[in-house]
């Protein structure tokens, strides 16, 4: 989107940041072994 202007790309910062936060919280649940059924699956996804 930067090709259309940096401000246009910057407008996507907040939703992108929130998506990244959600990924971190999925990683958080992997650390607890709770997101997926198998421990190894949690660890590799984390």
ModelCIF file with pLDDT and N, C-alpha, C, O atoms, coordinates in Angstrom:
data_MODEL
#
_entry.id   MODEL 
#
_entity.id                         1 
_entity.type                       polymer 
_entity.pdbx_number_of_molecules   1 
#
_entity_poly.entity_id                      1 
_entity_poly.type                           'polypeptide(L)' 
_entity_poly.nstd_linkage                   no 
_entity_poly.nstd_monomer                   no 
_entity_poly.pdbx_seq_one_letter_code       
;(UNK)(UNK)(UNK)(UNK)(UNK)(UNK)(UNK)(UNK)(UNK)(UNK)(UNK)(UNK)(UNK)(UNK)(UNK)(UNK)
(UNK)(UNK)(UNK)(UNK)(UNK)(UNK)(UNK)(UNK)(UNK)(UNK)(UNK)(UNK)(UNK)(UNK)(UNK)(UNK)
(UNK)(UNK)(UNK)(UNK)(UNK)(UNK)(UNK)(UNK)(UNK)(UNK)(UNK)(UNK)(UNK)(UNK)
;
_entity_poly.pdbx_seq_one_letter_code_can   XXXXXXXXXXXXXXXXXXXXXXXXXXXXXXXXXXXXXXXXXXXXXX 
_entity_poly.pdbx_strand_id                 A 
#
loop_
_entity_poly_seq.entity_id 
_entity_poly_seq.num 
_entity_poly_seq.mon_id 
_entity_poly_seq.hetero 
1 1  UNK n 
1 2  UNK n 
1 3  UNK n 
1 4  UNK n 
1 5  UNK n 
1 6  UNK n 
1 7  UNK n 
1 8  UNK n 
1 9  UNK n 
1 10 UNK n 
1 11 UNK n 
1 12 UNK n 
1 13 UNK n 
1 14 UNK n 
1 15 UNK n 
1 16 UNK n 
1 17 UNK n 
1 18 UNK n 
1 19 UNK n 
1 20 UNK n 
1 21 UNK n 
1 22 UNK n 
1 23 UNK n 
1 24 UNK n 
1 25 UNK n 
1 26 UNK n 
1 27 UNK n 
1 28 UNK n 
1 29 UNK n 
1 30 UNK n 
1 31 UNK n 
1 32 UNK n 
1 33 UNK n 
1 34 UNK n 
1 35 UNK n 
1 36 UNK n 
1 37 UNK n 
1 38 UNK n 
1 39 UNK n 
1 40 UNK n 
1 41 UNK n 
1 42 UNK n 
1 43 UNK n 
1 44 UNK n 
1 45 UNK n 
1 46 UNK n 
#
_struct_asym.id          A 
_struct_asym.entity_id   1 
#
loop_
_ma_qa_metric.id 
_ma_qa_metric.mode 
_ma_qa_metric.name 
_ma_qa_metric.software_group_id 
_ma_qa_metric.type 
1 global pLDDT . pLDDT 
2 local  pLDDT . pLDDT 
#
_ma_qa_metric_global.metric_id      1 
_ma_qa_metric_global.metric_value   94.13 
_ma_qa_metric_global.model_id       1 
_ma_qa_metric_global.ordinal_id     1 
#
loop_
_ma_qa_metric_local.label_asym_id 
_ma_qa_metric_local.label_comp_id 
_ma_qa_metric_local.label_seq_id 
_ma_qa_metric_local.metric_id 
_ma_qa_metric_local.metric_value 
_ma_qa_metric_local.model_id 
_ma_qa_metric_local.ordinal_id 
A UNK 1  2 88.00 1 1  
A UNK 2  2 89.00 1 2  
A UNK 3  2 85.00 1 3  
A UNK 4  2 85.00 1 4  
A UNK 5  2 85.00 1 5  
A UNK 6  2 87.00 1 6  
A UNK 7  2 87.00 1 7  
A UNK 8  2 86.00 1 8  
A UNK 9  2 87.00 1 9  
A UNK 10 2 88.00 1 10 
A UNK 11 2 90.00 1 11 
A UNK 12 2 93.00 1 12 
A UNK 13 2 94.00 1 13 
A UNK 14 2 94.00 1 14 
A UNK 15 2 95.00 1 15 
A UNK 16 2 96.00 1 16 
A UNK 17 2 96.00 1 17 
A UNK 18 2 97.00 1 18 
A UNK 19 2 97.00 1 19 
A UNK 20 2 97.00 1 20 
A UNK 21 2 97.00 1 21 
A UNK 22 2 97.00 1 22 
A UNK 23 2 98.00 1 23 
A UNK 24 2 97.00 1 24 
A UNK 25 2 97.00 1 25 
A UNK 26 2 98.00 1 26 
A UNK 27 2 98.00 1 27 
A UNK 28 2 97.00 1 28 
A UNK 29 2 97.00 1 29 
A UNK 30 2 97.00 1 30 
A UNK 31 2 96.00 1 31 
A UNK 32 2 96.00 1 32 
A UNK 33 2 96.00 1 33 
A UNK 34 2 96.00 1 34 
A UNK 35 2 97.00 1 35 
A UNK 36 2 96.00 1 36 
A UNK 37 2 94.00 1 37 
A UNK 38 2 96.00 1 38 
A UNK 39 2 95.00 1 39 
A UNK 40 2 96.00 1 40 
A UNK 41 2 97.00 1 41 
A UNK 42 2 97.00 1 42 
A UNK 43 2 97.00 1 43 
A UNK 44 2 97.00 1 44 
A UNK 45 2 98.00 1 45 
A UNK 46 2 97.00 1 46 
#
loop_
_atom_site.group_PDB 
_atom_site.id 
_atom_site.type_symbol 
_atom_site.label_atom_id 
_atom_site.label_alt_id 
_atom_site.label_comp_id 
_atom_site.label_asym_id 
_atom_site.label_entity_id 
_atom_site.label_seq_id 
_atom_site.pdbx_PDB_ins_code 
_atom_site.Cartn_x 
_atom_site.Cartn_y 
_atom_site.Cartn_z 
_atom_site.occupancy 
_atom_site.B_iso_or_equiv 
_atom_site.pdbx_formal_charge 
_atom_site.auth_seq_id 
_atom_site.auth_comp_id 
_atom_site.auth_asym_id 
_atom_site.auth_atom_id 
_atom_site.pdbx_PDB_model_num 
ATOM 1   N N  . UNK A 1 1  ? 0.810  -1.221  0.000  1.00 88.00 ? 1  UNK A N  1 
ATOM 2   C CA . UNK A 1 1  ? 0.000  0.000   0.000  1.00 88.00 ? 1  UNK A CA 1 
ATOM 3   C C  . UNK A 1 1  ? 0.839  1.266   0.000  1.00 88.00 ? 1  UNK A C  1 
ATOM 4   O O  . UNK A 1 1  ? 0.336  2.338   -0.334 1.00 88.00 ? 1  UNK A O  1 
ATOM 5   N N  . UNK A 1 2  ? 2.114  1.160   0.369  1.00 89.00 ? 2  UNK A N  1 
ATOM 6   C CA . UNK A 1 2  ? 2.998  2.337   0.373  1.00 89.00 ? 2  UNK A CA 1 
ATOM 7   C C  . UNK A 1 2  ? 3.065  2.973   -1.014 1.00 89.00 ? 2  UNK A C  1 
ATOM 8   O O  . UNK A 1 2  ? 3.265  4.182   -1.134 1.00 89.00 ? 2  UNK A O  1 
ATOM 9   N N  . UNK A 1 3  ? 2.897  2.166   -2.056 1.00 85.00 ? 3  UNK A N  1 
ATOM 10  C CA . UNK A 1 3  ? 2.938  2.696   -3.422 1.00 85.00 ? 3  UNK A CA 1 
ATOM 11  C C  . UNK A 1 3  ? 1.847  3.730   -3.651 1.00 85.00 ? 3  UNK A C  1 
ATOM 12  O O  . UNK A 1 3  ? 1.974  4.604   -4.509 1.00 85.00 ? 3  UNK A O  1 
ATOM 13  N N  . UNK A 1 4  ? 0.773  3.621   -2.876 1.00 85.00 ? 4  UNK A N  1 
ATOM 14  C CA . UNK A 1 4  ? -0.310 4.600   -3.000 1.00 85.00 ? 4  UNK A CA 1 
ATOM 15  C C  . UNK A 1 4  ? -0.101 5.788   -2.065 1.00 85.00 ? 4  UNK A C  1 
ATOM 16  O O  . UNK A 1 4  ? -0.916 6.710   -2.037 1.00 85.00 ? 4  UNK A O  1 
ATOM 17  N N  . UNK A 1 5  ? 0.986  5.767   -1.303 1.00 85.00 ? 5  UNK A N  1 
ATOM 18  C CA . UNK A 1 5  ? 1.275  6.844   -0.358 1.00 85.00 ? 5  UNK A CA 1 
ATOM 19  C C  . UNK A 1 5  ? 1.475  6.305   1.045  1.00 85.00 ? 5  UNK A C  1 
ATOM 20  O O  . UNK A 1 5  ? 0.756  5.411   1.490  1.00 85.00 ? 5  UNK A O  1 
ATOM 21  N N  . UNK A 1 6  ? 2.463  6.862   1.741  1.00 87.00 ? 6  UNK A N  1 
ATOM 22  C CA . UNK A 1 6  ? 2.785  6.355   3.069  1.00 87.00 ? 6  UNK A CA 1 
ATOM 23  C C  . UNK A 1 6  ? 1.637  6.537   4.044  1.00 87.00 ? 6  UNK A C  1 
ATOM 24  O O  . UNK A 1 6  ? 1.405  5.669   4.886  1.00 87.00 ? 6  UNK A O  1 
ATOM 25  N N  . UNK A 1 7  ? 0.915  7.639   3.952  1.00 87.00 ? 7  UNK A N  1 
ATOM 26  C CA . UNK A 1 7  ? -0.202 7.882   4.867  1.00 87.00 ? 7  UNK A CA 1 
ATOM 27  C C  . UNK A 1 7  ? -1.294 6.832   4.684  1.00 87.00 ? 7  UNK A C  1 
ATOM 28  O O  . UNK A 1 7  ? -1.949 6.430   5.645  1.00 87.00 ? 7  UNK A O  1 
ATOM 29  N N  . UNK A 1 8  ? -1.480 6.396   3.448  1.00 86.00 ? 8  UNK A N  1 
ATOM 30  C CA . UNK A 1 8  ? -2.478 5.355   3.197  1.00 86.00 ? 8  UNK A CA 1 
ATOM 31  C C  . UNK A 1 8  ? -2.070 4.064   3.894  1.00 86.00 ? 8  UNK A C  1 
ATOM 32  O O  . UNK A 1 8  ? -2.899 3.390   4.504  1.00 86.00 ? 8  UNK A O  1 
ATOM 33  N N  . UNK A 1 9  ? -0.783 3.722   3.800  1.00 87.00 ? 9  UNK A N  1 
ATOM 34  C CA . UNK A 1 9  ? -0.283 2.521   4.471  1.00 87.00 ? 9  UNK A CA 1 
ATOM 35  C C  . UNK A 1 9  ? -0.350 2.686   5.987  1.00 87.00 ? 9  UNK A C  1 
ATOM 36  O O  . UNK A 1 9  ? -0.676 1.743   6.709  1.00 87.00 ? 9  UNK A O  1 
ATOM 37  N N  . UNK A 1 10 ? -0.040 3.885   6.461  1.00 88.00 ? 10 UNK A N  1 
ATOM 38  C CA . UNK A 1 10 ? -0.021 4.144   7.900  1.00 88.00 ? 10 UNK A CA 1 
ATOM 39  C C  . UNK A 1 10 ? -1.411 3.992   8.514  1.00 88.00 ? 10 UNK A C  1 
ATOM 40  O O  . UNK A 1 10 ? -1.541 3.674   9.696  1.00 88.00 ? 10 UNK A O  1 
ATOM 41  N N  . UNK A 1 11 ? -2.444 4.220   7.710  1.00 90.00 ? 11 UNK A N  1 
ATOM 42  C CA . UNK A 1 11 ? -3.816 4.078   8.208  1.00 90.00 ? 11 UNK A CA 1 
ATOM 43  C C  . UNK A 1 11 ? -4.119 2.639   8.617  1.00 90.00 ? 11 UNK A C  1 
ATOM 44  O O  . UNK A 1 11 ? -5.051 2.388   9.381  1.00 90.00 ? 11 UNK A O  1 
ATOM 45  N N  . UNK A 1 12 ? -3.334 1.703   8.108  1.00 93.00 ? 12 UNK A N  1 
ATOM 46  C CA . UNK A 1 12 ? -3.534 0.291   8.437  1.00 93.00 ? 12 UNK A CA 1 
ATOM 47  C C  . UNK A 1 12 ? -2.762 -0.137  9.688  1.00 93.00 ? 12 UNK A C  1 
ATOM 48  O O  . UNK A 1 12 ? -2.831 -1.297  10.095 1.00 93.00 ? 12 UNK A O  1 
ATOM 49  N N  . UNK A 1 13 ? -2.025 0.803   10.299 1.00 94.00 ? 13 UNK A N  1 
ATOM 50  C CA . UNK A 1 13 ? -1.167 0.462   11.428 1.00 94.00 ? 13 UNK A CA 1 
ATOM 51  C C  . UNK A 1 13 ? -1.946 -0.107  12.606 1.00 94.00 ? 13 UNK A C  1 
ATOM 52  O O  . UNK A 1 13 ? -1.559 -1.130  13.171 1.00 94.00 ? 13 UNK A O  1 
ATOM 53  N N  . UNK A 1 14 ? -3.039 0.549   12.979 1.00 94.00 ? 14 UNK A N  1 
ATOM 54  C CA . UNK A 1 14 ? -3.782 0.106   14.154 1.00 94.00 ? 14 UNK A CA 1 
ATOM 55  C C  . UNK A 1 14 ? -4.348 -1.302  13.981 1.00 94.00 ? 14 UNK A C  1 
ATOM 56  O O  . UNK A 1 14 ? -4.102 -2.149  14.839 1.00 94.00 ? 14 UNK A O  1 
ATOM 57  N N  . UNK A 1 15 ? -5.102 -1.597  12.903 1.00 95.00 ? 15 UNK A N  1 
ATOM 58  C CA . UNK A 1 15 ? -5.588 -2.981  12.758 1.00 95.00 ? 15 UNK A CA 1 
ATOM 59  C C  . UNK A 1 15 ? -4.458 -3.991  12.647 1.00 95.00 ? 15 UNK A C  1 
ATOM 60  O O  . UNK A 1 15 ? -4.571 -5.097  13.175 1.00 95.00 ? 15 UNK A O  1 
ATOM 61  N N  . UNK A 1 16 ? -3.363 -3.632  11.966 1.00 96.00 ? 16 UNK A N  1 
ATOM 62  C CA . UNK A 1 16 ? -2.236 -4.559  11.847 1.00 96.00 ? 16 UNK A CA 1 
ATOM 63  C C  . UNK A 1 16 ? -1.609 -4.819  13.220 1.00 96.00 ? 16 UNK A C  1 
ATOM 64  O O  . UNK A 1 16 ? -1.237 -5.947  13.543 1.00 96.00 ? 16 UNK A O  1 
ATOM 65  N N  . UNK A 1 17 ? -1.500 -3.753  14.021 1.00 96.00 ? 17 UNK A N  1 
ATOM 66  C CA . UNK A 1 17 ? -0.961 -3.911  15.366 1.00 96.00 ? 17 UNK A CA 1 
ATOM 67  C C  . UNK A 1 17 ? -1.833 -4.801  16.232 1.00 96.00 ? 17 UNK A C  1 
ATOM 68  O O  . UNK A 1 17 ? -1.326 -5.594  17.025 1.00 96.00 ? 17 UNK A O  1 
ATOM 69  N N  . UNK A 1 18 ? -3.145 -4.671  16.081 1.00 97.00 ? 18 UNK A N  1 
ATOM 70  C CA . UNK A 1 18 ? -4.063 -5.499  16.860 1.00 97.00 ? 18 UNK A CA 1 
ATOM 71  C C  . UNK A 1 18 ? -4.019 -6.962  16.401 1.00 97.00 ? 18 UNK A C  1 
ATOM 72  O O  . UNK A 1 18 ? -4.139 -7.877  17.216 1.00 97.00 ? 18 UNK A O  1 
ATOM 73  N N  . UNK A 1 19 ? -3.846 -7.174  15.098 1.00 97.00 ? 19 UNK A N  1 
ATOM 74  C CA . UNK A 1 19 ? -3.688 -8.552  14.607 1.00 97.00 ? 19 UNK A CA 1 
ATOM 75  C C  . UNK A 1 19 ? -2.412 -9.175  15.168 1.00 97.00 ? 19 UNK A C  1 
ATOM 76  O O  . UNK A 1 19 ? -2.396 -10.345 15.550 1.00 97.00 ? 19 UNK A O  1 
ATOM 77  N N  . UNK A 1 20 ? -1.335 -8.373  15.213 1.00 97.00 ? 20 UNK A N  1 
ATOM 78  C CA . UNK A 1 20 ? -0.077 -8.876  15.771 1.00 97.00 ? 20 UNK A CA 1 
ATOM 79  C C  . UNK A 1 20 ? -0.235 -9.180  17.255 1.00 97.00 ? 20 UNK A C  1 
ATOM 80  O O  . UNK A 1 20 ? 0.319  -10.160 17.752 1.00 97.00 ? 20 UNK A O  1 
ATOM 81  N N  . UNK A 1 21 ? -0.985 -8.346  17.960 1.00 97.00 ? 21 UNK A N  1 
ATOM 82  C CA . UNK A 1 21 ? -1.262 -8.603  19.373 1.00 97.00 ? 21 UNK A CA 1 
ATOM 83  C C  . UNK A 1 21 ? -1.999 -9.928  19.544 1.00 97.00 ? 21 UNK A C  1 
ATOM 84  O O  . UNK A 1 21 ? -1.692 -10.699 20.453 1.00 97.00 ? 21 UNK A O  1 
ATOM 85  N N  . UNK A 1 22 ? -2.965 -10.190 18.677 1.00 97.00 ? 22 UNK A N  1 
ATOM 86  C CA . UNK A 1 22 ? -3.708 -11.452 18.770 1.00 97.00 ? 22 UNK A CA 1 
ATOM 87  C C  . UNK A 1 22 ? -2.776 -12.645 18.513 1.00 97.00 ? 22 UNK A C  1 
ATOM 88  O O  . UNK A 1 22 ? -2.902 -13.683 19.163 1.00 97.00 ? 22 UNK A O  1 
ATOM 89  N N  . UNK A 1 23 ? -1.852 -12.497 17.576 1.00 98.00 ? 23 UNK A N  1 
ATOM 90  C CA . UNK A 1 23 ? -0.889 -13.565 17.343 1.00 98.00 ? 23 UNK A CA 1 
ATOM 91  C C  . UNK A 1 23 ? -0.034 -13.819 18.586 1.00 98.00 ? 23 UNK A C  1 
ATOM 92  O O  . UNK A 1 23 ? 0.258  -14.966 18.921 1.00 98.00 ? 23 UNK A O  1 
ATOM 93  N N  . UNK A 1 24 ? 0.361  -12.745 19.262 1.00 97.00 ? 24 UNK A N  1 
ATOM 94  C CA . UNK A 1 24 ? 1.139  -12.907 20.493 1.00 97.00 ? 24 UNK A CA 1 
ATOM 95  C C  . UNK A 1 24 ? 0.331  -13.644 21.554 1.00 97.00 ? 24 UNK A C  1 
ATOM 96  O O  . UNK A 1 24 ? 0.875  -14.468 22.289 1.00 97.00 ? 24 UNK A O  1 
ATOM 97  N N  . UNK A 1 25 ? -0.956 -13.355 21.635 1.00 97.00 ? 25 UNK A N  1 
ATOM 98  C CA . UNK A 1 25 ? -1.787 -14.003 22.647 1.00 97.00 ? 25 UNK A CA 1 
ATOM 99  C C  . UNK A 1 25 ? -2.079 -15.463 22.286 1.00 97.00 ? 25 UNK A C  1 
ATOM 100 O O  . UNK A 1 25 ? -2.303 -16.284 23.176 1.00 97.00 ? 25 UNK A O  1 
ATOM 101 N N  . UNK A 1 26 ? -2.077 -15.790 20.999 1.00 98.00 ? 26 UNK A N  1 
ATOM 102 C CA . UNK A 1 26 ? -2.136 -17.202 20.613 1.00 98.00 ? 26 UNK A CA 1 
ATOM 103 C C  . UNK A 1 26 ? -0.842 -17.889 21.026 1.00 98.00 ? 26 UNK A C  1 
ATOM 104 O O  . UNK A 1 26 ? -0.862 -19.013 21.528 1.00 98.00 ? 26 UNK A O  1 
ATOM 105 N N  . UNK A 1 27 ? 0.290  -17.206 20.813 1.00 98.00 ? 27 UNK A N  1 
ATOM 106 C CA . UNK A 1 27 ? 1.575  -17.726 21.279 1.00 98.00 ? 27 UNK A CA 1 
ATOM 107 C C  . UNK A 1 27 ? 1.550  -17.916 22.798 1.00 98.00 ? 27 UNK A C  1 
ATOM 108 O O  . UNK A 1 27 ? 2.101  -18.888 23.316 1.00 98.00 ? 27 UNK A O  1 
ATOM 109 N N  . UNK A 1 28 ? 0.919  -17.000 23.494 1.00 97.00 ? 28 UNK A N  1 
ATOM 110 C CA . UNK A 1 28 ? 0.773  -17.087 24.959 1.00 97.00 ? 28 UNK A CA 1 
ATOM 111 C C  . UNK A 1 28 ? 0.050  -18.368 25.352 1.00 97.00 ? 28 UNK A C  1 
ATOM 112 O O  . UNK A 1 28 ? 0.485  -19.066 26.269 1.00 97.00 ? 28 UNK A O  1 
ATOM 113 N N  . UNK A 1 29 ? -1.041 -18.684 24.675 1.00 97.00 ? 29 UNK A N  1 
ATOM 114 C CA . UNK A 1 29 ? -1.777 -19.912 24.991 1.00 97.00 ? 29 UNK A CA 1 
ATOM 115 C C  . UNK A 1 29 ? -0.980 -21.156 24.613 1.00 97.00 ? 29 UNK A C  1 
ATOM 116 O O  . UNK A 1 29 ? -1.077 -22.186 25.281 1.00 97.00 ? 29 UNK A O  1 
ATOM 117 N N  . UNK A 1 30 ? -0.186 -21.061 23.537 1.00 97.00 ? 30 UNK A N  1 
ATOM 118 C CA . UNK A 1 30 ? 0.692  -22.186 23.190 1.00 97.00 ? 30 UNK A CA 1 
ATOM 119 C C  . UNK A 1 30 ? 1.661  -22.458 24.330 1.00 97.00 ? 30 UNK A C  1 
ATOM 120 O O  . UNK A 1 30 ? 1.951  -23.615 24.637 1.00 97.00 ? 30 UNK A O  1 
ATOM 121 N N  . UNK A 1 31 ? 2.164  -21.400 24.960 1.00 96.00 ? 31 UNK A N  1 
ATOM 122 C CA . UNK A 1 31 ? 3.080  -21.556 26.079 1.00 96.00 ? 31 UNK A CA 1 
ATOM 123 C C  . UNK A 1 31 ? 2.458  -22.271 27.255 1.00 96.00 ? 31 UNK A C  1 
ATOM 124 O O  . UNK A 1 31 ? 3.147  -22.952 28.015 1.00 96.00 ? 31 UNK A O  1 
ATOM 125 N N  . UNK A 1 32 ? 1.154  -22.118 27.406 1.00 96.00 ? 32 UNK A N  1 
ATOM 126 C CA . UNK A 1 32 ? 0.431  -22.820 28.471 1.00 96.00 ? 32 UNK A CA 1 
ATOM 127 C C  . UNK A 1 32 ? -0.003 -24.219 28.035 1.00 96.00 ? 32 UNK A C  1 
ATOM 128 O O  . UNK A 1 32 ? -0.558 -24.976 28.831 1.00 96.00 ? 32 UNK A O  1 
ATOM 129 N N  . UNK A 1 33 ? 0.250  -24.559 26.773 1.00 96.00 ? 33 UNK A N  1 
ATOM 130 C CA . UNK A 1 33 ? -0.166 -25.862 26.269 1.00 96.00 ? 33 UNK A CA 1 
ATOM 131 C C  . UNK A 1 33 ? -1.663 -25.981 26.095 1.00 96.00 ? 33 UNK A C  1 
ATOM 132 O O  . UNK A 1 33 ? -2.210 -27.081 26.174 1.00 96.00 ? 33 UNK A O  1 
ATOM 133 N N  . UNK A 1 34 ? -2.342 -24.852 25.858 1.00 96.00 ? 34 UNK A N  1 
ATOM 134 C CA . UNK A 1 34 ? -3.805 -24.880 25.843 1.00 96.00 ? 34 UNK A CA 1 
ATOM 135 C C  . UNK A 1 34 ? -4.436 -24.573 24.489 1.00 96.00 ? 34 UNK A C  1 
ATOM 136 O O  . UNK A 1 34 ? -5.620 -24.849 24.294 1.00 96.00 ? 34 UNK A O  1 
ATOM 137 N N  . UNK A 1 35 ? -3.672 -24.005 23.543 1.00 97.00 ? 35 UNK A N  1 
ATOM 138 C CA . UNK A 1 35 ? -4.296 -23.596 22.287 1.00 97.00 ? 35 UNK A CA 1 
ATOM 139 C C  . UNK A 1 35 ? -4.653 -24.807 21.420 1.00 97.00 ? 35 UNK A C  1 
ATOM 140 O O  . UNK A 1 35 ? -5.743 -24.866 20.849 1.00 97.00 ? 35 UNK A O  1 
ATOM 141 N N  . UNK A 1 36 ? -3.732 -25.770 21.322 1.00 96.00 ? 36 UNK A N  1 
ATOM 142 C CA . UNK A 1 36 ? -3.951 -26.999 20.571 1.00 96.00 ? 36 UNK A CA 1 
ATOM 143 C C  . UNK A 1 36 ? -3.929 -28.194 21.525 1.00 96.00 ? 36 UNK A C  1 
ATOM 144 O O  . UNK A 1 36 ? -3.560 -28.049 22.690 1.00 96.00 ? 36 UNK A O  1 
ATOM 145 N N  . UNK A 1 37 ? -4.314 -29.346 21.047 1.00 94.00 ? 37 UNK A N  1 
ATOM 146 C CA . UNK A 1 37 ? -4.430 -30.516 21.921 1.00 94.00 ? 37 UNK A CA 1 
ATOM 147 C C  . UNK A 1 37 ? -3.068 -31.085 22.324 1.00 94.00 ? 37 UNK A C  1 
ATOM 148 O O  . UNK A 1 37 ? -2.881 -31.496 23.469 1.00 94.00 ? 37 UNK A O  1 
ATOM 149 N N  . UNK A 1 38 ? -2.108 -31.109 21.375 1.00 96.00 ? 38 UNK A N  1 
ATOM 150 C CA . UNK A 1 38 ? -0.830 -31.754 21.638 1.00 96.00 ? 38 UNK A CA 1 
ATOM 151 C C  . UNK A 1 38 ? 0.221  -30.732 22.047 1.00 96.00 ? 38 UNK A C  1 
ATOM 152 O O  . UNK A 1 38 ? 0.286  -29.638 21.487 1.00 96.00 ? 38 UNK A O  1 
ATOM 153 N N  . UNK A 1 39 ? 1.045  -31.096 23.028 1.00 95.00 ? 39 UNK A N  1 
ATOM 154 C CA . UNK A 1 39 ? 2.097  -30.219 23.526 1.00 95.00 ? 39 UNK A CA 1 
ATOM 155 C C  . UNK A 1 39 ? 3.057  -29.826 22.415 1.00 95.00 ? 39 UNK A C  1 
ATOM 156 O O  . UNK A 1 39 ? 3.416  -28.656 22.286 1.00 95.00 ? 39 UNK A O  1 
ATOM 157 N N  . UNK A 1 40 ? 3.482  -30.816 21.600 1.00 96.00 ? 40 UNK A N  1 
ATOM 158 C CA . UNK A 1 40 ? 4.444  -30.532 20.528 1.00 96.00 ? 40 UNK A CA 1 
ATOM 159 C C  . UNK A 1 40 ? 3.861  -29.552 19.517 1.00 96.00 ? 40 UNK A C  1 
ATOM 160 O O  . UNK A 1 40 ? 4.571  -28.678 19.020 1.00 96.00 ? 40 UNK A O  1 
ATOM 161 N N  . UNK A 1 41 ? 2.581  -29.689 19.213 1.00 97.00 ? 41 UNK A N  1 
ATOM 162 C CA . UNK A 1 41 ? 1.937  -28.776 18.258 1.00 97.00 ? 41 UNK A CA 1 
ATOM 163 C C  . UNK A 1 41 ? 1.912  -27.361 18.812 1.00 97.00 ? 41 UNK A C  1 
ATOM 164 O O  . UNK A 1 41 ? 2.177  -26.400 18.090 1.00 97.00 ? 41 UNK A O  1 
ATOM 165 N N  . UNK A 1 42 ? 1.593  -27.233 20.094 1.00 97.00 ? 42 UNK A N  1 
ATOM 166 C CA . UNK A 1 42 ? 1.625  -25.924 20.737 1.00 97.00 ? 42 UNK A CA 1 
ATOM 167 C C  . UNK A 1 42 ? 3.019  -25.315 20.660 1.00 97.00 ? 42 UNK A C  1 
ATOM 168 O O  . UNK A 1 42 ? 3.167  -24.135 20.342 1.00 97.00 ? 42 UNK A O  1 
ATOM 169 N N  . UNK A 1 43 ? 4.035  -26.113 20.949 1.00 97.00 ? 43 UNK A N  1 
ATOM 170 C CA . UNK A 1 43 ? 5.400  -25.600 20.997 1.00 97.00 ? 43 UNK A CA 1 
ATOM 171 C C  . UNK A 1 43 ? 5.882  -25.128 19.629 1.00 97.00 ? 43 UNK A C  1 
ATOM 172 O O  . UNK A 1 43 ? 6.492  -24.063 19.527 1.00 97.00 ? 43 UNK A O  1 
ATOM 173 N N  . UNK A 1 44 ? 5.621  -25.898 18.581 1.00 97.00 ? 44 UNK A N  1 
ATOM 174 C CA . UNK A 1 44 ? 6.110  -25.505 17.261 1.00 97.00 ? 44 UNK A CA 1 
ATOM 175 C C  . UNK A 1 44 ? 5.350  -24.304 16.711 1.00 97.00 ? 44 UNK A C  1 
ATOM 176 O O  . UNK A 1 44 ? 5.932  -23.451 16.040 1.00 97.00 ? 44 UNK A O  1 
ATOM 177 N N  . UNK A 1 45 ? 4.057  -24.236 16.995 1.00 98.00 ? 45 UNK A N  1 
ATOM 178 C CA . UNK A 1 45 ? 3.318  -23.046 16.587 1.00 98.00 ? 45 UNK A CA 1 
ATOM 179 C C  . UNK A 1 45 ? 3.811  -21.829 17.363 1.00 98.00 ? 45 UNK A C  1 
ATOM 180 O O  . UNK A 1 45 ? 3.969  -20.746 16.799 1.00 98.00 ? 45 UNK A O  1 
ATOM 181 N N  . UNK A 1 46 ? 4.055  -22.014 18.659 1.00 97.00 ? 46 UNK A N  1 
ATOM 182 C CA . UNK A 1 46 ? 4.563  -20.918 19.472 1.00 97.00 ? 46 UNK A CA 1 
ATOM 183 C C  . UNK A 1 46 ? 5.907  -20.410 18.988 1.00 97.00 ? 46 UNK A C  1 
ATOM 184 O O  . UNK A 1 46 ? 6.465  -19.484 19.575 1.00 97.00 ? 46 UNK A O  1 
#
